[in-house]
């Protein structure tokens, strides 16, 4: 079920955050006598290291702290860290324990985890949110759950979403407004429903601008840095390369910038690069990445809050919730260079 690597400990969190073990313990136990700046430092380190309370939670006696389970299965470590951080912060705020499960095993292992830990609610992230067998199992066991960005949000199941299609359309329109016409696109993992929505948004914007999409400018990524690099190398080695590349997440966009650097292609003067998610990497690479802000941590935090809402528990509140997105304009996109724009 969980990845085979050794679990992080509170000592690891303390080292990463640069604070004492005692401080970490106070933060993770929800004590109030900790500065907010220090609290955020510890929580971010815990999320970054994927620190979980699995071992302790599974041995909790009846009547002990209630548990929220976060199910993840994503090739992007940045996504997992953001989801973990959102859940961890909300759980500590409301006095819940968190179990994060990296679901690499089958349905039987997920079911065993749920039986062993008996969570009061479950947050299901992509692509697990679109697994019909998993959803049926949760329904059959009458478990409370909230889906993060399912393919078809409906009133039958609670979900937290953004409008991926519109967001991708807006980002493509931004590139078009800068004079770009040959805009490459790197798709996300085919098992993630948001991948198709983001490609559709890109396609809609190109069509509205009267620009035919060159099939050579479309590459299939996997939401990982390595897949983004492979796709970027193909795009940038074309005889008529794109003047801009829109990658379906920030990890892949960062890889495009790396591929351009290796080819002495200057970003953004010779190539504009944009991404999606607004992960930490977007602000720390050079040039800083223009991207779509998808509030992943907030989405998961809202899901945890919904799971503990009394109205939701009574089965009344289940309609999809959509959070706002926006473009974050930074340094990686600029007006098209006339030599490569057409």
Protein backbone atom coordinates (compact mmCIF):
# COMPACT_ATOMS: atom_id res chain seq x y z
CA UNK A 1 0.00 0.00 0.00
CA UNK A 2 2.53 2.56 1.13
CA UNK A 3 5.77 3.21 -0.70
CA UNK A 4 8.67 1.07 0.53
CA UNK A 5 10.85 3.98 1.59
CA UNK A 6 11.37 4.54 5.31
CA UNK A 7 8.80 6.75 6.98
CA UNK A 8 9.83 10.20 8.11
CA UNK A 9 9.95 10.74 11.87
CA UNK A 10 9.43 13.82 14.03
CA UNK A 11 13.22 14.04 14.29
CA UNK A 12 13.40 14.28 10.48
CA UNK A 13 10.76 17.03 10.52
CA UNK A 14 12.70 18.90 13.22
CA UNK A 15 15.92 18.75 11.18
CA UNK A 16 14.21 19.87 7.99
CA UNK A 17 12.42 22.77 9.73
CA UNK A 18 15.51 23.76 11.73
CA UNK A 19 13.71 23.60 15.07
CA UNK A 20 13.85 21.37 18.12
CA UNK A 21 12.09 18.03 18.48
CA UNK A 22 10.08 19.51 21.34
CA UNK A 23 8.85 22.32 19.09
CA UNK A 24 7.73 19.84 16.45
CA UNK A 25 5.92 17.83 19.10
CA UNK A 26 4.11 20.95 20.37
CA UNK A 27 3.03 21.90 16.85
CA UNK A 28 1.84 18.43 15.87
CA UNK A 29 -0.04 18.08 19.14
CA UNK A 30 -1.89 21.31 18.48
CA UNK A 31 -0.50 23.26 21.43
CA UNK A 32 -1.11 27.00 21.31
CA UNK A 33 2.19 28.28 22.74
CA UNK A 34 3.96 28.26 19.35
CA UNK A 35 4.54 31.26 17.08
CA UNK A 36 2.52 31.10 13.87
CA UNK A 37 5.68 31.49 11.77
CA UNK A 38 7.21 28.46 13.50
CA UNK A 39 3.99 26.49 13.16
CA UNK A 40 3.92 27.08 9.40
CA UNK A 41 7.60 26.11 9.15
CA UNK A 42 6.96 22.79 10.89
CA UNK A 43 3.78 22.02 8.94
CA UNK A 44 5.51 22.72 5.61
CA UNK A 45 8.42 20.45 6.58
CA UNK A 46 6.01 17.69 7.60
CA UNK A 47 4.21 17.92 4.27
CA UNK A 48 7.46 18.05 2.32
CA UNK A 49 8.72 14.88 4.03
CA UNK A 50 5.31 13.18 3.78
CA UNK A 51 5.32 12.78 7.56
CA UNK A 52 2.23 10.87 8.64
CA UNK A 53 0.81 9.52 11.84
CA UNK A 54 -0.10 6.14 10.37
CA UNK A 55 1.67 3.92 12.86
CA UNK A 56 0.30 5.70 15.88
CA UNK A 57 -3.16 6.14 14.41
CA UNK A 58 -3.63 2.45 13.74
CA UNK A 59 -3.03 1.67 17.40
CA UNK A 60 -5.33 4.33 18.76
CA UNK A 61 -7.70 3.03 21.39
CA UNK A 62 -11.43 3.39 20.91
CA UNK A 63 -12.44 6.90 21.87
CA UNK A 64 -9.07 8.36 20.83
CA UNK A 65 -8.58 11.21 18.34
CA UNK A 66 -10.69 10.99 15.19
CA UNK A 67 -8.94 10.31 11.92
CA UNK A 68 -9.14 11.76 8.42
CA UNK A 69 -7.64 9.67 5.61
CA UNK A 70 -6.04 11.27 2.56
CA UNK A 71 -5.67 8.96 -0.45
CA UNK A 72 -3.06 9.98 -3.03
CA UNK A 73 -1.61 8.44 -6.17
CA UNK A 74 0.18 11.07 -8.19
CA UNK A 75 3.48 11.18 -10.12
CA UNK A 76 3.98 14.79 -9.05
CA UNK A 77 5.63 15.05 -5.64
CA UNK A 78 4.72 18.74 -5.62
CA UNK A 79 1.04 17.86 -5.86
CA UNK A 80 1.28 15.32 -3.04
CA UNK A 81 3.13 17.78 -0.80
CA UNK A 82 0.53 20.48 -1.39
CA UNK A 83 -2.37 18.10 -0.77
CA UNK A 84 -0.69 16.78 2.37
CA UNK A 85 -0.05 20.29 3.67
CA UNK A 86 -3.66 21.34 3.17
CA UNK A 87 -4.99 18.28 4.97
CA UNK A 88 -2.41 18.46 7.75
CA UNK A 89 -3.08 22.10 8.55
CA UNK A 90 -6.87 21.68 8.63
CA UNK A 91 -6.70 18.47 10.70
CA UNK A 92 -4.52 20.09 13.34
CA UNK A 93 -6.75 23.15 13.43
CA UNK A 94 -9.85 21.07 14.20
CA UNK A 95 -8.16 18.47 16.40
CA UNK A 96 -8.18 15.56 13.94
CA UNK A 97 -5.46 13.04 13.17
CA UNK A 98 -4.36 12.57 9.57
CA UNK A 99 -3.40 9.41 7.74
CA UNK A 100 -1.98 9.89 4.25
CA UNK A 101 -1.91 6.75 2.12
CA UNK A 102 0.11 6.57 -1.10
CA UNK A 103 -2.09 4.07 -2.88
CA UNK A 104 0.24 2.01 -5.05
CA UNK A 105 -1.45 -1.29 -4.19
CA UNK A 106 -4.85 -2.61 -5.18
CA UNK A 107 -8.35 -1.99 -3.95
CA UNK A 108 -8.05 -4.70 -1.28
CA UNK A 109 -5.18 -2.82 0.38
CA UNK A 110 -7.15 0.43 0.43
CA UNK A 111 -10.11 -1.40 1.92
CA UNK A 112 -7.87 -2.95 4.60
CA UNK A 113 -6.48 0.47 5.48
CA UNK A 114 -9.98 1.86 5.93
CA UNK A 115 -10.99 -1.06 8.14
CA UNK A 116 -7.82 -0.82 10.26
CA UNK A 117 -7.82 2.94 10.77
CA UNK A 118 -11.59 3.52 10.67
CA UNK A 119 -11.41 7.17 9.53
CA UNK A 120 -14.37 9.47 10.06
CA UNK A 121 -13.88 10.75 6.54
CA UNK A 122 -11.78 10.20 3.43
CA UNK A 123 -10.35 12.69 0.92
CA UNK A 124 -9.87 11.05 -2.50
CA UNK A 125 -7.48 12.82 -4.89
CA UNK A 126 -6.93 12.24 -8.65
CA UNK A 127 -6.88 9.79 -10.32
CA UNK A 128 -8.40 7.70 -7.51
CA UNK A 129 -11.42 10.02 -7.52
CA UNK A 130 -12.41 8.52 -10.88
CA UNK A 131 -11.91 4.85 -9.94
CA UNK A 132 -15.44 3.34 -10.07
CA UNK A 133 -14.49 0.27 -8.02
CA UNK A 134 -13.02 2.41 -5.25
CA UNK A 135 -16.05 4.70 -5.18
CA UNK A 136 -18.40 1.69 -5.10
CA UNK A 137 -16.46 0.20 -2.19
CA UNK A 138 -16.73 3.47 -0.25
CA UNK A 139 -20.45 3.67 -1.00
CA UNK A 140 -21.04 0.04 -0.03
CA UNK A 141 -19.27 0.60 3.28
CA UNK A 142 -21.23 3.82 3.79
CA UNK A 143 -18.03 5.84 4.26
CA UNK A 144 -18.04 9.63 4.13
CA UNK A 145 -15.73 10.92 1.43
CA UNK A 146 -15.01 14.00 -0.66
CA UNK A 147 -13.55 13.82 -4.16
CA UNK A 148 -10.90 16.24 -5.38
CA UNK A 149 -11.39 17.25 -9.04
CA UNK A 150 -13.37 14.26 -10.36
CA UNK A 151 -14.07 13.96 -14.08
CA UNK A 152 -17.79 14.66 -13.80
CA UNK A 153 -18.70 16.54 -10.62
CA UNK A 154 -22.35 15.97 -9.79
CA UNK A 155 -24.79 16.45 -6.95
CA UNK A 156 -24.63 12.77 -5.96
CA UNK A 157 -21.14 13.04 -4.47
CA UNK A 158 -19.34 15.83 -2.65
CA UNK A 159 -16.36 17.24 -4.52
CA UNK A 160 -13.96 20.20 -4.52
CA UNK A 161 -12.96 21.50 -7.96
CA UNK A 162 -11.72 24.32 -10.10
CA UNK A 163 -12.71 24.85 -13.74
CA UNK A 164 -9.64 23.33 -15.40
CA UNK A 165 -10.97 23.83 -18.91
CA UNK A 166 -11.60 27.55 -18.48
CA UNK A 167 -8.27 28.00 -16.67
CA UNK A 168 -6.33 26.38 -19.52
CA UNK A 169 -8.30 28.43 -22.06
CA UNK A 170 -7.38 31.63 -20.24
CA UNK A 171 -3.70 30.72 -20.14
CA UNK A 172 -3.69 29.93 -23.87
CA UNK A 173 -5.43 33.24 -24.56
CA UNK A 174 -2.68 34.95 -22.58
CA UNK A 175 -0.05 33.44 -24.87
CA UNK A 176 -2.08 34.38 -27.93
CA UNK A 177 -2.30 37.96 -26.65
CA UNK A 178 1.50 38.01 -26.59
CA UNK A 179 1.56 37.21 -30.31
CA UNK A 180 2.27 33.47 -30.10
CA UNK A 181 0.69 31.23 -32.71
CA UNK A 182 2.85 28.10 -32.66
CA UNK A 183 2.00 27.08 -29.13
CA UNK A 184 3.12 23.63 -28.07
CA UNK A 185 1.10 21.72 -25.50
CA UNK A 186 2.23 18.95 -23.16
CA UNK A 187 -0.70 16.87 -21.95
CA UNK A 188 -0.99 15.52 -18.44
CA UNK A 189 -1.25 11.89 -17.38
CA UNK A 190 -3.96 10.16 -19.46
CA UNK A 191 -5.47 8.54 -16.34
CA UNK A 192 -6.20 11.95 -14.81
CA UNK A 193 -9.46 13.48 -16.03
CA UNK A 194 -8.12 17.02 -15.60
CA UNK A 195 -5.62 16.29 -18.40
CA UNK A 196 -8.38 16.12 -21.01
CA UNK A 197 -10.05 19.23 -19.59
CA UNK A 198 -6.85 21.26 -19.80
CA UNK A 199 -6.19 20.13 -23.37
CA UNK A 200 -9.75 21.03 -24.30
CA UNK A 201 -9.28 24.52 -22.88
CA UNK A 202 -6.11 24.95 -24.95
CA UNK A 203 -7.87 23.63 -28.08
CA UNK A 204 -10.86 25.91 -27.57
CA UNK A 205 -8.67 29.00 -27.33
CA UNK A 206 -6.69 28.06 -30.45
CA UNK A 207 -9.88 27.37 -32.39
CA UNK A 208 -11.43 30.67 -31.27
CA UNK A 209 -8.31 32.46 -32.55
CA UNK A 210 -8.67 30.74 -35.93
CA UNK A 211 -5.43 28.78 -35.53
CA UNK A 212 -5.21 25.17 -36.64
CA UNK A 213 -3.36 22.99 -34.14
CA UNK A 214 -0.25 21.36 -35.57
CA UNK A 215 -0.24 17.72 -34.30
CA UNK A 216 3.56 17.92 -34.06
CA UNK A 217 3.16 20.51 -31.31
CA UNK A 218 1.20 18.16 -29.03
CA UNK A 219 3.06 15.76 -26.73
CA UNK A 220 1.80 13.28 -24.15
CA UNK A 221 3.29 13.81 -20.71
CA UNK A 222 2.73 12.03 -17.38
CA UNK A 223 2.69 14.99 -14.95
CA UNK A 224 6.31 14.14 -13.99
CA UNK A 225 9.47 16.18 -14.53
CA UNK A 226 11.08 13.35 -16.52
CA UNK A 227 8.13 13.07 -18.90
CA UNK A 228 8.10 16.84 -19.34
CA UNK A 229 11.78 16.78 -20.28
CA UNK A 230 11.24 14.04 -22.87
CA UNK A 231 8.31 15.94 -24.40
CA UNK A 232 10.22 19.23 -24.39
CA UNK A 233 13.17 17.70 -26.20
CA UNK A 234 10.88 16.53 -29.00
CA UNK A 235 9.19 19.92 -29.30
CA UNK A 236 12.38 21.96 -29.22
CA UNK A 237 14.14 19.73 -31.75
CA UNK A 238 11.44 20.22 -34.38
CA UNK A 239 12.61 21.93 -37.60
CA UNK A 240 9.93 24.55 -36.91
CA UNK A 241 9.78 24.62 -33.12
CA UNK A 242 7.06 26.34 -31.08
CA UNK A 243 7.49 29.90 -29.85
CA UNK A 244 5.69 28.97 -26.65
CA UNK A 245 4.99 25.79 -24.69
CA UNK A 246 2.08 25.29 -22.31
CA UNK A 247 2.75 22.35 -19.98
CA UNK A 248 -0.16 20.81 -18.06
CA UNK A 249 1.60 21.16 -14.71
CA UNK A 250 4.51 23.07 -13.22
CA UNK A 251 6.83 20.06 -12.91
CA UNK A 252 6.69 19.53 -16.67
CA UNK A 253 6.97 23.25 -17.37
CA UNK A 254 10.14 23.40 -15.26
CA UNK A 255 11.51 20.56 -17.37
CA UNK A 256 10.79 22.56 -20.55
CA UNK A 257 12.89 25.42 -19.18
CA UNK A 258 15.70 22.95 -18.42
CA UNK A 259 15.55 21.52 -21.96
CA UNK A 260 15.64 25.03 -23.43
CA UNK A 261 18.67 25.92 -21.31
CA UNK A 262 20.54 22.86 -22.59
CA UNK A 263 19.90 24.03 -26.16
CA UNK A 264 20.89 27.65 -25.52
CA UNK A 265 17.29 28.73 -26.15
CA UNK A 266 16.62 31.78 -24.00
CA UNK A 267 13.44 31.84 -21.94
CA UNK A 268 11.43 34.01 -22.44
CA UNK A 269 13.10 35.93 -25.30
CA UNK A 270 13.22 32.93 -27.66
CA UNK A 271 10.69 30.65 -25.98
CA UNK A 272 7.82 31.36 -23.62
CA UNK A 273 6.94 28.64 -21.12
CA UNK A 274 3.84 28.44 -18.92
CA UNK A 275 2.53 25.84 -16.50
CA UNK A 276 -0.41 24.92 -14.33
CA UNK A 277 -0.86 24.58 -10.51
CA UNK A 278 1.41 27.32 -9.08
CA UNK A 279 3.52 24.91 -7.06
CA UNK A 280 6.58 25.98 -5.10
CA UNK A 281 8.85 25.14 -8.04
CA UNK A 282 7.16 27.88 -10.10
CA UNK A 283 8.56 30.60 -7.84
CA UNK A 284 12.06 29.19 -7.30
CA UNK A 285 13.20 28.33 -10.84
CA UNK A 286 14.78 30.91 -13.13
CA UNK A 287 13.03 32.54 -14.81
CA UNK A 288 10.06 32.32 -12.48
CA UNK A 289 7.15 30.52 -14.08
CA UNK A 290 3.94 32.03 -15.37
CA UNK A 291 1.25 29.56 -14.36
CA UNK A 292 -2.35 28.93 -13.34
CA UNK A 293 -2.92 29.06 -9.62
CA UNK A 294 -4.82 25.94 -8.62
CA UNK A 295 -5.27 26.14 -4.83
CA UNK A 296 -4.54 22.46 -4.15
CA UNK A 297 -3.82 22.87 -0.44
CA UNK A 298 -7.01 24.91 -0.03
CA UNK A 299 -9.02 22.36 -2.02
CA UNK A 300 -7.94 19.53 0.28
CA UNK A 301 -8.39 21.71 3.35
CA UNK A 302 -11.95 22.48 2.26
CA UNK A 303 -12.56 18.76 1.74
CA UNK A 304 -11.45 18.00 5.30
CA UNK A 305 -13.67 20.78 6.61
CA UNK A 306 -16.61 19.44 4.63
CA UNK A 307 -16.13 15.95 6.02
CA UNK A 308 -16.48 17.27 9.55
CA UNK A 309 -19.44 19.52 8.77
CA UNK A 310 -22.57 18.32 10.59
CA UNK A 311 -24.82 19.17 7.64
CA UNK A 312 -22.66 17.10 5.34
CA UNK A 313 -22.67 14.22 7.81
CA UNK A 314 -26.45 14.14 7.70
CA UNK A 315 -26.26 13.58 3.95
CA UNK A 316 -27.77 16.93 2.94
CA UNK A 317 -24.77 18.85 1.67
CA UNK A 318 -23.24 17.08 -1.31
CA UNK A 319 -23.22 19.46 -4.27
CA UNK A 320 -19.89 20.14 -6.02
CA UNK A 321 -17.88 23.11 -4.79
CA UNK A 322 -15.78 25.16 -7.21
CA UNK A 323 -12.91 27.30 -5.95
CA UNK A 324 -11.47 30.24 -7.87
CA UNK A 325 -8.37 30.01 -10.04
CA UNK A 326 -6.29 32.81 -11.53
CA UNK A 327 -3.28 33.37 -13.75
CA UNK A 328 0.01 34.15 -12.03
CA UNK A 329 2.05 36.26 -14.45
CA UNK A 330 5.79 35.98 -13.88
CA UNK A 331 8.93 36.08 -16.05
CA UNK A 332 8.76 32.96 -18.24
CA UNK A 333 6.38 34.33 -20.89
CA UNK A 334 7.01 37.35 -23.12
CA UNK A 335 5.89 38.74 -26.49
CA UNK A 336 6.64 36.38 -29.35
CA UNK A 337 9.93 36.64 -31.16
CA UNK A 338 9.04 37.39 -34.78
CA UNK A 339 11.60 34.79 -35.96
CA UNK A 340 9.79 31.87 -34.30
CA UNK A 341 6.22 33.11 -33.77
CA UNK A 342 4.75 31.91 -37.07
